[in-house]
Amino acid sequence: MAGNNQIKILLVDDEPDIQEFISYNLIKESYKVYTANNGIEAIETAKKVKPALIILDVMMPKMNGFETCNKIRAIKGLENIIIVFLSARGEDIAQITGYDAGADDYITKPIKPHILVKKVKSLLRRLNTNETNVNLPKIKSFKIIPDNYAVIINNRKIIFPKKEFKLLHLLASNPDKAFTRKEIYDTVWGDEVIVGDRTIDVHIREIRKKIGSKYITTFKGIGYKFENI
């Protein structure tokens, strides 16, 4: 019997073996796990149980994971649920599409159960922390709103996935400082298991698409810095 204080996780995958395997490992960690077989079921279940985190497959019948994520993000009361894709598609374009859809993270199958659990725990720590609530220097061209994971630029409000926002927030916290890749990993991802060597690059690419390329400079072999222009 599930306790009322259990953290709710919604697992969405059309493969019964994967559902059973992941559910077993999450239940062992005392999470309350709900399952759905496709995107339509996922949306209805998410509305009903309001999970803290959704693990979402990409390739599913009726509605793929990207479209499902987009629709969940548009539902009032569900927009801040942590959503992580778990997919066999590891290519950059799939990950970029996932982040564009509003995902907080993207994990490539296969993944060992203890690593998945570690990722889930790290993602859920955001529920009890306010890591972005620090003073920012005055940014000349736009305004960063930490509480909403948003940026206002040219009178337009842009909502970011949490990981992208945290990366932008870090760079903007110290304009003109070149942050090394290690500094970025340590601050933005902490002790999370990083899946893919190009994780930072994918996130930077997505941030540039949203705010323009002029604000973030690449230092080849070193890292990135924010230009307060």
Protein backbone atom coordinates (compact mmCIF):
# COMPACT_ATOMS: atom_id res chain seq x y z
CA MET A 1 0.00 0.00 0.00
CA ALA A 2 1.39 3.36 -1.02
CA GLY A 3 1.84 6.02 1.63
CA ASN A 4 0.43 9.48 1.07
CA ASN A 5 3.86 11.02 1.36
CA GLN A 6 5.38 9.01 -1.48
CA ILE A 7 6.73 10.93 -4.44
CA LYS A 8 4.71 10.14 -7.56
CA ILE A 9 6.45 9.19 -10.79
CA LEU A 10 4.65 8.55 -14.08
CA LEU A 11 6.40 6.08 -16.39
CA VAL A 12 5.27 6.18 -20.02
CA ASP A 13 6.45 3.39 -22.31
CA ASP A 14 4.68 0.99 -24.65
CA GLU A 15 7.00 -1.92 -23.87
CA PRO A 16 5.71 -3.99 -20.90
CA ASP A 17 9.17 -5.38 -20.08
CA ILE A 18 10.65 -1.88 -19.76
CA GLN A 19 7.69 -0.73 -17.67
CA GLU A 20 8.11 -3.67 -15.31
CA PHE A 21 11.90 -3.33 -15.06
CA ILE A 22 11.94 0.42 -14.38
CA SER A 23 8.90 0.33 -12.10
CA TYR A 24 10.49 -2.39 -9.97
CA ASN A 25 13.67 -0.36 -9.45
CA LEU A 26 11.79 2.84 -8.62
CA ILE A 27 9.36 1.14 -6.25
CA LYS A 28 12.36 -0.34 -4.43
CA GLU A 29 13.36 3.28 -3.71
CA SER A 30 9.90 3.95 -2.21
CA TYR A 31 8.52 5.97 -5.13
CA LYS A 32 4.87 5.61 -6.07
CA VAL A 33 4.93 4.62 -9.75
CA TYR A 34 2.08 5.05 -12.23
CA THR A 35 2.32 3.74 -15.79
CA ALA A 36 0.87 4.62 -19.18
CA ASN A 37 1.28 2.89 -22.53
CA ASN A 38 1.06 5.90 -24.84
CA GLY A 39 0.91 9.67 -24.91
CA ILE A 40 -2.86 9.96 -24.67
CA GLU A 41 -2.93 7.77 -21.54
CA ALA A 42 0.03 9.74 -20.16
CA ILE A 43 -1.79 13.08 -20.44
CA GLU A 44 -4.91 11.74 -18.74
CA THR A 45 -2.92 10.08 -15.97
CA ALA A 46 -0.79 13.20 -15.42
CA LYS A 47 -3.92 15.33 -15.05
CA LYS A 48 -5.34 12.87 -12.55
CA VAL A 49 -2.34 12.09 -10.30
CA LYS A 50 -0.12 15.19 -10.85
CA PRO A 51 3.22 13.36 -10.60
CA ALA A 52 6.41 15.07 -9.52
CA LEU A 53 8.33 13.52 -12.42
CA ILE A 54 7.48 11.90 -15.74
CA ILE A 55 9.76 9.41 -17.50
CA LEU A 56 8.68 9.53 -21.13
CA ASP A 57 9.53 7.27 -24.04
CA VAL A 58 9.85 8.91 -27.47
CA MET A 59 8.58 6.32 -29.95
CA MET A 60 5.07 5.34 -28.90
CA PRO A 61 1.77 4.58 -30.65
CA LYS A 62 -1.03 7.17 -30.95
CA MET A 63 1.14 10.10 -29.84
CA ASN A 64 4.94 10.31 -29.67
CA GLY A 65 6.83 11.53 -26.63
CA PHE A 66 7.71 14.93 -28.08
CA GLU A 67 4.09 15.81 -28.78
CA THR A 68 3.04 14.41 -25.41
CA CYS A 69 5.59 16.58 -23.62
CA ASN A 70 4.43 19.67 -25.47
CA LYS A 71 0.81 19.03 -24.55
CA ILE A 72 1.60 18.38 -20.88
CA ARG A 73 3.61 21.61 -20.67
CA ALA A 74 0.55 23.51 -21.98
CA ILE A 75 -1.79 22.22 -19.25
CA LYS A 76 -2.28 24.57 -16.32
CA GLY A 77 -0.93 23.00 -13.14
CA LEU A 78 1.33 20.58 -15.01
CA GLU A 79 3.74 23.04 -16.61
CA ASN A 80 6.40 22.62 -13.92
CA ILE A 81 6.41 18.81 -13.71
CA ILE A 82 9.92 17.45 -14.24
CA ILE A 83 9.96 15.56 -17.56
CA VAL A 84 12.81 13.33 -18.67
CA PHE A 85 12.94 11.44 -21.95
CA LEU A 86 14.18 7.85 -21.90
CA SER A 87 14.83 6.76 -25.47
CA ALA A 88 16.94 4.50 -27.64
CA ARG A 89 17.38 7.48 -29.98
CA GLY A 90 20.64 9.06 -28.87
CA GLU A 91 21.45 11.27 -31.86
CA ASP A 92 21.75 15.02 -31.37
CA ILE A 93 18.64 15.87 -33.37
CA ALA A 94 16.47 13.66 -31.16
CA GLN A 95 17.87 15.26 -28.01
CA ILE A 96 17.41 18.77 -29.42
CA THR A 97 13.81 17.95 -30.33
CA GLY A 98 13.30 16.68 -26.79
CA TYR A 99 14.61 19.85 -25.19
CA ASP A 100 12.57 21.96 -27.61
CA ALA A 101 9.47 20.05 -26.49
CA GLY A 102 10.16 21.15 -22.92
CA ALA A 103 12.06 18.22 -21.43
CA ASP A 104 14.31 18.76 -18.43
CA ASP A 105 16.66 15.93 -19.35
CA TYR A 106 17.24 13.25 -21.96
CA ILE A 107 18.54 9.76 -21.11
CA THR A 108 19.62 7.28 -23.76
CA LYS A 109 18.70 3.60 -23.47
CA PRO A 110 20.02 1.21 -22.37
CA ILE A 111 20.80 2.56 -18.91
CA LYS A 112 21.73 0.60 -15.80
CA PRO A 113 19.04 0.70 -13.11
CA HIS A 114 21.26 2.20 -10.40
CA ILE A 115 22.25 5.02 -12.76
CA LEU A 116 18.62 5.69 -13.66
CA VAL A 117 17.68 5.83 -9.99
CA LYS A 118 20.57 8.23 -9.33
CA LYS A 119 19.36 10.47 -12.15
CA VAL A 120 15.80 10.43 -10.82
CA LYS A 121 16.94 11.33 -7.30
CA SER A 122 19.05 14.19 -8.62
CA LEU A 123 16.19 15.56 -10.72
CA LEU A 124 13.77 15.34 -7.81
CA ARG A 125 16.08 17.31 -5.53
CA ARG A 126 14.89 20.37 -7.43
CA LEU A 127 11.58 20.04 -5.60
CA ASN A 128 13.26 21.02 -2.35
CA THR A 129 15.81 23.54 -3.56
CA ASN A 130 15.78 26.98 -5.10
CA GLU A 131 19.14 26.84 -6.80
CA THR A 132 18.58 29.82 -9.09
CA ASN A 133 17.44 32.27 -6.45
CA VAL A 134 20.59 34.37 -6.35
CA ASN A 135 21.19 37.99 -7.29
CA LEU A 136 22.17 38.62 -10.89
CA PRO A 137 24.13 41.57 -12.20
CA LYS A 138 22.09 43.91 -14.34
CA ILE A 139 21.76 42.46 -17.84
CA LYS A 140 21.58 45.19 -20.45
CA SER A 141 19.50 43.54 -23.15
CA PHE A 142 17.00 41.37 -21.31
CA LYS A 143 15.62 40.38 -17.93
CA ILE A 144 16.05 37.00 -16.28
CA ILE A 145 13.20 35.80 -14.05
CA PRO A 146 14.46 32.91 -11.88
CA ASP A 147 11.13 32.02 -10.28
CA ASN A 148 9.55 31.30 -13.67
CA TYR A 149 12.60 29.91 -15.51
CA ALA A 150 12.01 32.72 -17.99
CA VAL A 151 13.74 35.48 -19.90
CA ILE A 152 12.08 38.64 -21.22
CA ILE A 153 13.79 39.87 -24.38
CA ASN A 154 12.37 42.36 -26.90
CA ASN A 155 9.12 42.40 -24.90
CA ARG A 156 8.79 38.65 -25.42
CA LYS A 157 8.75 36.14 -22.57
CA ILE A 158 10.66 32.91 -23.20
CA ILE A 159 10.17 29.94 -20.86
CA PHE A 160 13.16 27.61 -20.65
CA PRO A 161 13.44 23.97 -19.66
CA LYS A 162 15.00 23.97 -16.18
CA LYS A 163 18.42 22.66 -17.21
CA GLU A 164 18.79 25.19 -20.02
CA PHE A 165 17.69 27.96 -17.68
CA LYS A 166 20.16 26.92 -15.00
CA LEU A 167 22.99 26.97 -17.56
CA LEU A 168 22.02 30.42 -18.87
CA HIS A 169 21.61 31.68 -15.30
CA LEU A 170 25.09 30.45 -14.40
CA LEU A 171 26.75 32.16 -17.37
CA ALA A 172 24.80 35.40 -16.80
CA SER A 173 25.69 35.42 -13.10
CA ASN A 174 29.21 36.48 -14.00
CA PRO A 175 29.27 38.25 -17.39
CA ASP A 176 32.58 38.19 -19.24
CA LYS A 177 33.90 35.27 -17.15
CA ALA A 178 34.81 32.25 -19.24
CA PHE A 179 33.30 29.24 -17.46
CA THR A 180 35.17 26.00 -18.06
CA ARG A 181 33.24 22.92 -19.07
CA LYS A 182 34.06 21.37 -15.70
CA GLU A 183 32.67 24.40 -13.83
CA ILE A 184 29.50 24.17 -15.90
CA TYR A 185 29.13 20.43 -15.31
CA ASP A 186 29.76 20.77 -11.58
CA THR A 187 27.30 23.64 -11.12
CA VAL A 188 24.51 22.71 -13.51
CA TRP A 189 24.59 18.92 -13.31
CA GLY A 190 26.34 18.39 -9.96
CA ASP A 191 26.54 14.70 -9.14
CA GLU A 192 24.12 13.67 -11.85
CA VAL A 193 25.33 11.09 -14.32
CA ILE A 194 26.00 12.88 -17.61
CA VAL A 195 24.79 10.95 -20.62
CA GLY A 196 26.79 12.01 -23.68
CA ASP A 197 29.91 14.12 -23.97
CA ARG A 198 28.09 16.83 -25.91
CA THR A 199 25.43 17.53 -23.28
CA ILE A 200 26.63 21.09 -22.66
CA ASP A 201 26.92 21.82 -26.39
CA VAL A 202 23.35 20.67 -27.05
CA HIS A 203 22.02 22.90 -24.26
CA ILE A 204 24.06 25.91 -25.44
CA ARG A 205 22.76 25.42 -28.97
CA GLU A 206 19.18 25.46 -27.70
CA ILE A 207 19.75 28.58 -25.58
CA ARG A 208 21.24 30.39 -28.58
CA LYS A 209 18.24 29.46 -30.70
CA LYS A 210 15.98 31.15 -28.15
CA ILE A 211 17.93 34.32 -27.30
CA GLY A 212 20.30 34.72 -30.25
CA SER A 213 23.91 33.68 -30.72
CA LYS A 214 25.55 36.99 -29.79
CA TYR A 215 25.15 36.57 -26.02
CA ILE A 216 27.22 33.42 -25.53
CA THR A 217 30.80 33.14 -26.77
CA THR A 218 32.55 29.82 -27.26
CA PHE A 219 36.13 29.41 -26.06
CA LYS A 220 37.36 26.40 -27.96
CA GLY A 221 38.81 23.80 -25.63
CA ILE A 222 37.79 25.81 -22.55
CA GLY A 223 34.08 26.56 -22.28
CA TYR A 224 31.65 29.44 -22.64
CA LYS A 225 31.04 32.97 -21.40
CA PHE A 226 28.11 35.36 -21.38
CA GLU A 227 28.46 38.72 -23.15
CA ASN A 228 26.52 41.48 -21.36
CA ILE A 229 25.78 43.53 -24.47
